[in-house]
Amino acid sequence: MRNQIEAIVQTLTGNPTFAYGTQTELNTLADDVTAFPCVFMYPLQPIDVSPQVNGSVDNVFTAYIEFLYQTEFGQYTAENETFVNQALRLANEFIVKAAKYRDGDGRYFRIKAGSKAKCQPVYNKFDANTTGIGLTISLSTMYFDTF
């Protein structure tokens, strides 16, 4: 899953840097990021596994991904709204591209129309001082083997 998310991130506008890890690991990695925006993916939340009548298994992954821009220390929240809006555009672009992402012969993810993802503004995150959007989204895989 991490590799597919990273592949989608590499197609986003602005060619964001991608990093994956826990909160502590990402804080350390953020210090070394030289190119912003960046996209940080946290370890997957619970994975829903649903056996189907046709012998296949549906998997739904809940991912928390942050779209971040570097900001200056001491800026007020109102001064960071531009970065929040830019990060929201990146998150929207990510959702559209995830729905179209192909791995092999077909689309990899199924994102149902009307399904809701949650975005939360993130201010003054990490020691590197970043601001943006935290996206929580459920991604269903399209193709799994029949057993």
Foldseek 3Di string as FASTA:
>chain_A
DVVLLVVLCCPFPQRAAEEEEALVVVLVVLVVDPGDDHKYKYPWDDWDWAQDPQQWIKIKIKIKMWGKDFDDPPDDPVVCVVQQVVQVVRVVSSVVSLCQPDDPPGRFWHDDPPDDKDKDWDFLGHPSTITYIIIIDMTMTDDDDGD
